[in-house]
């Protein structure tokens, strides 16, 4: 029996990237502005992201293809950890502004 029965083939790269952004990335980023981003948390988030990217590209870890290469093939420029750090800086800036407004009253 074929193991790929029912698995859609020939999905375009743009569609896979769209699915990644809508489902995977949004789930991983939920509430990330307030996380304490330790090295352990960074590794966990990156591993989860790369697992999703590898599965969508049908690339096994046994093939020993580097994460950077997979990102380039899919068309992602930055890691999700960079986006979390960016979102945290934005949130922190808005929080500081909110604090200044409260103290001025």
N, C-alpha and C. Protein backbone atom coordinates (compact mmCIF):
# COMPACT_ATOMS: atom_id res chain seq x y z
N UNK A 1 0.85 -1.18 0.00
CA UNK A 1 0.00 0.00 0.00
C UNK A 1 0.89 1.24 0.00
N UNK A 2 0.54 2.21 -0.77
CA UNK A 2 1.32 3.44 -0.89
C UNK A 2 1.11 4.31 0.35
N UNK A 3 2.21 4.84 0.92
CA UNK A 3 2.11 5.64 2.15
C UNK A 3 1.65 7.07 1.87
N UNK A 4 1.66 7.50 0.61
CA UNK A 4 1.28 8.88 0.27
C UNK A 4 -0.16 8.99 -0.23
N UNK A 5 -1.00 8.01 0.07
CA UNK A 5 -2.38 8.05 -0.38
C UNK A 5 -3.10 9.19 0.33
N UNK A 6 -3.77 10.03 -0.44
CA UNK A 6 -4.52 11.14 0.13
C UNK A 6 -3.69 12.38 0.40
N UNK A 7 -2.39 12.32 0.17
CA UNK A 7 -1.52 13.47 0.40
C UNK A 7 -1.47 14.30 -0.88
N UNK A 8 -1.84 15.58 -0.80
CA UNK A 8 -1.81 16.40 -2.01
C UNK A 8 -0.38 16.63 -2.47
N UNK A 9 -0.17 16.53 -3.76
CA UNK A 9 1.15 16.77 -4.32
C UNK A 9 1.08 17.99 -5.23
N UNK A 10 2.22 18.58 -5.45
CA UNK A 10 2.28 19.70 -6.38
C UNK A 10 1.75 21.01 -5.81
N UNK A 11 1.77 21.18 -4.50
CA UNK A 11 1.33 22.44 -3.91
C UNK A 11 2.41 23.48 -4.17
N UNK A 12 2.00 24.62 -4.69
CA UNK A 12 2.96 25.68 -5.02
C UNK A 12 3.62 26.24 -3.77
N UNK A 13 4.84 26.75 -3.97
CA UNK A 13 5.62 27.32 -2.87
C UNK A 13 4.88 28.47 -2.21
N UNK A 14 4.21 29.31 -2.98
CA UNK A 14 3.48 30.45 -2.43
C UNK A 14 2.36 29.98 -1.51
N UNK A 15 1.67 28.91 -1.90
CA UNK A 15 0.58 28.38 -1.09
C UNK A 15 1.13 27.82 0.23
N UNK A 16 2.26 27.10 0.16
CA UNK A 16 2.87 26.56 1.37
C UNK A 16 3.30 27.68 2.31
N UNK A 17 3.85 28.74 1.75
CA UNK A 17 4.27 29.88 2.57
C UNK A 17 3.07 30.56 3.20
N UNK A 18 1.97 30.65 2.46
CA UNK A 18 0.74 31.23 2.99
C UNK A 18 0.20 30.39 4.14
N UNK A 19 0.19 29.08 3.98
CA UNK A 19 -0.27 28.17 5.03
C UNK A 19 0.62 28.30 6.26
N UNK A 20 1.92 28.38 6.04
CA UNK A 20 2.86 28.56 7.15
C UNK A 20 2.55 29.85 7.91
N UNK A 21 2.37 30.95 7.18
CA UNK A 21 2.12 32.23 7.84
C UNK A 21 0.81 32.24 8.61
N UNK A 22 -0.22 31.65 8.04
CA UNK A 22 -1.55 31.71 8.66
C UNK A 22 -1.67 30.74 9.84
N UNK A 23 -1.21 29.52 9.67
CA UNK A 23 -1.43 28.51 10.70
C UNK A 23 -0.27 28.38 11.69
N UNK A 24 0.91 28.14 11.19
CA UNK A 24 2.04 27.83 12.04
C UNK A 24 2.57 29.07 12.75
N UNK A 25 2.89 30.07 11.95
CA UNK A 25 3.51 31.28 12.50
C UNK A 25 2.59 32.00 13.48
N UNK A 26 1.32 32.11 13.14
CA UNK A 26 0.40 32.80 14.04
C UNK A 26 0.25 32.05 15.36
N UNK A 27 0.28 30.72 15.31
CA UNK A 27 0.20 29.94 16.54
C UNK A 27 1.46 30.10 17.39
N UNK A 28 2.61 30.10 16.73
CA UNK A 28 3.87 30.23 17.47
C UNK A 28 4.05 31.63 18.05
N UNK A 29 3.51 32.64 17.39
CA UNK A 29 3.70 34.02 17.86
C UNK A 29 2.67 34.48 18.87
N UNK A 30 1.63 33.69 19.10
CA UNK A 30 0.55 34.11 19.99
C UNK A 30 1.08 34.41 21.39
N UNK A 31 0.96 35.64 21.81
CA UNK A 31 1.38 36.06 23.15
C UNK A 31 2.88 36.18 23.33
N UNK A 32 3.64 36.08 22.25
CA UNK A 32 5.10 36.06 22.37
C UNK A 32 5.69 37.39 22.82
N UNK A 33 4.91 38.47 22.73
CA UNK A 33 5.43 39.78 23.15
C UNK A 33 5.78 39.79 24.63
N UNK A 34 5.11 38.96 25.40
CA UNK A 34 5.31 38.98 26.85
C UNK A 34 6.13 37.81 27.36
N UNK A 35 6.65 36.99 26.48
CA UNK A 35 7.45 35.84 26.90
C UNK A 35 8.80 36.29 27.45
N UNK A 36 9.32 35.49 28.34
CA UNK A 36 10.72 35.63 28.74
C UNK A 36 11.49 34.73 27.78
N UNK A 37 12.21 35.32 26.87
CA UNK A 37 12.83 34.57 25.77
C UNK A 37 14.21 34.07 26.19
N UNK A 38 14.25 32.91 26.82
CA UNK A 38 15.50 32.29 27.22
C UNK A 38 16.07 31.50 26.04
N UNK A 39 17.29 31.05 26.18
CA UNK A 39 17.92 30.26 25.12
C UNK A 39 17.14 28.96 24.89
N UNK A 40 16.63 28.39 25.96
CA UNK A 40 15.85 27.16 25.84
C UNK A 40 14.57 27.41 25.06
N UNK A 41 13.89 28.53 25.34
CA UNK A 41 12.67 28.88 24.61
C UNK A 41 12.97 29.16 23.14
N UNK A 42 14.09 29.82 22.87
CA UNK A 42 14.47 30.10 21.48
C UNK A 42 14.67 28.80 20.71
N UNK A 43 15.37 27.85 21.33
CA UNK A 43 15.61 26.56 20.66
C UNK A 43 14.30 25.83 20.39
N UNK A 44 13.38 25.87 21.37
CA UNK A 44 12.10 25.19 21.22
C UNK A 44 11.29 25.78 20.07
N UNK A 45 11.23 27.11 20.01
CA UNK A 45 10.45 27.77 18.96
C UNK A 45 11.09 27.51 17.59
N UNK A 46 12.41 27.62 17.51
CA UNK A 46 13.08 27.37 16.23
C UNK A 46 12.89 25.92 15.77
N UNK A 47 12.97 24.98 16.71
CA UNK A 47 12.80 23.57 16.36
C UNK A 47 11.38 23.30 15.86
N UNK A 48 10.40 23.91 16.50
CA UNK A 48 9.01 23.73 16.08
C UNK A 48 8.79 24.33 14.69
N UNK A 49 9.36 25.52 14.49
CA UNK A 49 9.23 26.17 13.19
C UNK A 49 9.88 25.33 12.09
N UNK A 50 11.08 24.86 12.34
CA UNK A 50 11.79 24.09 11.32
C UNK A 50 11.12 22.75 11.06
N UNK A 51 10.52 22.16 12.08
CA UNK A 51 9.78 20.91 11.88
C UNK A 51 8.63 21.14 10.90
N UNK A 52 7.91 22.24 11.08
CA UNK A 52 6.80 22.55 10.18
C UNK A 52 7.30 22.83 8.76
N UNK A 53 8.40 23.56 8.64
CA UNK A 53 8.95 23.87 7.32
C UNK A 53 9.46 22.61 6.63
N UNK A 54 10.13 21.74 7.37
CA UNK A 54 10.62 20.49 6.78
C UNK A 54 9.48 19.61 6.32
N UNK A 55 8.43 19.52 7.13
CA UNK A 55 7.29 18.68 6.75
C UNK A 55 6.61 19.22 5.51
N UNK A 56 6.45 20.54 5.43
CA UNK A 56 5.78 21.10 4.26
C UNK A 56 6.62 20.92 3.00
N UNK A 57 7.93 20.86 3.17
CA UNK A 57 8.83 20.66 2.02
C UNK A 57 9.14 19.19 1.78
N UNK A 58 8.61 18.35 2.65
CA UNK A 58 8.87 16.90 2.58
C UNK A 58 10.36 16.59 2.60
N UNK A 59 11.05 17.23 3.53
CA UNK A 59 12.49 17.01 3.70
C UNK A 59 12.70 16.36 5.07
N UNK A 60 13.30 15.20 5.08
CA UNK A 60 13.57 14.49 6.31
C UNK A 60 14.85 15.02 6.95
N UNK A 61 14.94 14.91 8.26
CA UNK A 61 16.18 15.29 8.94
C UNK A 61 17.31 14.35 8.54
N UNK A 62 16.97 13.16 8.12
CA UNK A 62 17.99 12.19 7.69
C UNK A 62 18.72 12.65 6.44
N UNK A 63 18.11 13.56 5.69
CA UNK A 63 18.74 14.06 4.47
C UNK A 63 19.86 15.05 4.77
N UNK A 64 19.95 15.49 6.02
CA UNK A 64 21.02 16.39 6.50
C UNK A 64 21.11 17.69 5.70
N UNK A 65 19.96 18.27 5.39
CA UNK A 65 19.92 19.56 4.72
C UNK A 65 19.82 20.63 5.79
N UNK A 66 20.66 21.64 5.70
CA UNK A 66 20.72 22.68 6.73
C UNK A 66 19.45 23.52 6.75
N UNK A 67 19.14 24.05 7.93
CA UNK A 67 17.96 24.88 8.11
C UNK A 67 18.00 26.12 7.22
N UNK A 68 19.17 26.70 7.06
CA UNK A 68 19.33 27.90 6.23
C UNK A 68 18.93 27.59 4.79
N UNK A 69 19.34 26.44 4.30
CA UNK A 69 19.02 26.04 2.94
C UNK A 69 17.51 25.86 2.76
N UNK A 70 16.86 25.26 3.74
CA UNK A 70 15.41 25.06 3.67
C UNK A 70 14.70 26.40 3.68
N UNK A 71 15.16 27.32 4.52
CA UNK A 71 14.56 28.67 4.56
C UNK A 71 14.68 29.36 3.20
N UNK A 72 15.83 29.25 2.58
CA UNK A 72 16.04 29.87 1.28
C UNK A 72 15.13 29.26 0.22
N UNK A 73 14.97 27.95 0.26
CA UNK A 73 14.10 27.27 -0.71
C UNK A 73 12.65 27.73 -0.57
N UNK A 74 12.22 27.93 0.67
CA UNK A 74 10.84 28.33 0.92
C UNK A 74 10.65 29.82 0.67
N UNK A 75 11.68 30.60 0.92
CA UNK A 75 11.59 32.04 0.70
C UNK A 75 11.47 32.85 1.97
N UNK A 76 11.87 32.28 3.09
CA UNK A 76 11.86 33.01 4.36
C UNK A 76 13.22 33.65 4.59
N UNK A 77 13.18 34.91 4.99
CA UNK A 77 14.43 35.63 5.18
C UNK A 77 14.91 35.61 6.62
N UNK A 78 14.00 35.71 7.58
CA UNK A 78 14.39 35.77 8.98
C UNK A 78 13.77 34.62 9.76
N UNK A 79 14.39 34.32 10.90
CA UNK A 79 13.85 33.28 11.76
C UNK A 79 12.70 33.85 12.57
N UNK A 80 11.94 32.97 13.13
CA UNK A 80 10.79 33.39 13.93
C UNK A 80 11.25 34.04 15.23
N UNK A 81 12.44 33.67 15.71
CA UNK A 81 12.97 34.28 16.94
C UNK A 81 13.25 35.76 16.71
N UNK A 82 13.76 36.11 15.55
CA UNK A 82 13.99 37.53 15.23
C UNK A 82 12.67 38.30 15.23
N UNK A 83 11.62 37.68 14.71
CA UNK A 83 10.32 38.34 14.69
C UNK A 83 9.76 38.50 16.11
N UNK A 84 9.97 37.49 16.95
CA UNK A 84 9.52 37.59 18.35
C UNK A 84 10.25 38.73 19.05
N UNK A 85 11.57 38.80 18.85
CA UNK A 85 12.35 39.88 19.48
C UNK A 85 11.89 41.24 18.99
N UNK A 86 11.59 41.36 17.71
CA UNK A 86 11.10 42.61 17.14
C UNK A 86 9.75 42.99 17.76
N UNK A 87 8.84 42.02 17.85
CA UNK A 87 7.53 42.27 18.44
C UNK A 87 7.64 42.66 19.91
N UNK A 88 8.60 42.05 20.61
CA UNK A 88 8.80 42.40 22.02
C UNK A 88 9.28 43.84 22.17
N UNK A 89 10.16 44.27 21.28
CA UNK A 89 10.62 45.66 21.34
C UNK A 89 9.50 46.64 21.06
N UNK A 90 8.64 46.32 20.10
CA UNK A 90 7.49 47.18 19.81
C UNK A 90 6.57 47.23 21.01
N UNK A 91 6.27 46.07 21.59
CA UNK A 91 5.38 46.00 22.75
C UNK A 91 5.96 46.76 23.93
N UNK A 92 7.26 46.60 24.15
CA UNK A 92 7.91 47.29 25.27
C UNK A 92 7.84 48.80 25.07
N UNK A 93 8.04 49.27 23.86
CA UNK A 93 7.95 50.70 23.57
C UNK A 93 6.55 51.24 23.82
N UNK A 94 5.53 50.49 23.41
CA UNK A 94 4.15 50.93 23.64
C UNK A 94 3.83 50.89 25.14
N UNK A 95 4.36 49.90 25.84
CA UNK A 95 4.13 49.78 27.29
C UNK A 95 4.75 50.96 28.02
N UNK A 96 5.95 51.36 27.60
CA UNK A 96 6.63 52.51 28.23
C UNK A 96 5.84 53.79 28.00
N UNK A 97 5.31 53.96 26.80
CA UNK A 97 4.50 55.14 26.50
C UNK A 97 3.23 55.14 27.33
N UNK A 98 2.64 53.98 27.51
CA UNK A 98 1.43 53.86 28.31
C UNK A 98 1.71 54.23 29.77
N UNK A 99 2.87 53.80 30.28
CA UNK A 99 3.24 54.14 31.65
C UNK A 99 3.44 55.63 31.81
N UNK A 100 4.05 56.28 30.84
CA UNK A 100 4.28 57.73 30.92
C UNK A 100 2.94 58.48 30.96
N UNK A 101 1.99 58.03 30.18
CA UNK A 101 0.68 58.68 30.16
C UNK A 101 -0.05 58.51 31.48
N UNK A 102 0.08 57.36 32.12
CA UNK A 102 -0.60 57.12 33.40
C UNK A 102 -0.01 57.99 34.50
N UNK A 103 1.31 58.17 34.51
CA UNK A 103 1.96 58.94 35.56
C UNK A 103 1.72 60.44 35.40
N UNK A 104 1.39 60.87 34.21
CA UNK A 104 1.18 62.30 33.99
C UNK A 104 -0.17 62.78 34.51
N UNK A 105 -1.07 61.86 34.83
CA UNK A 105 -2.40 62.25 35.30
C UNK A 105 -2.42 62.55 36.78
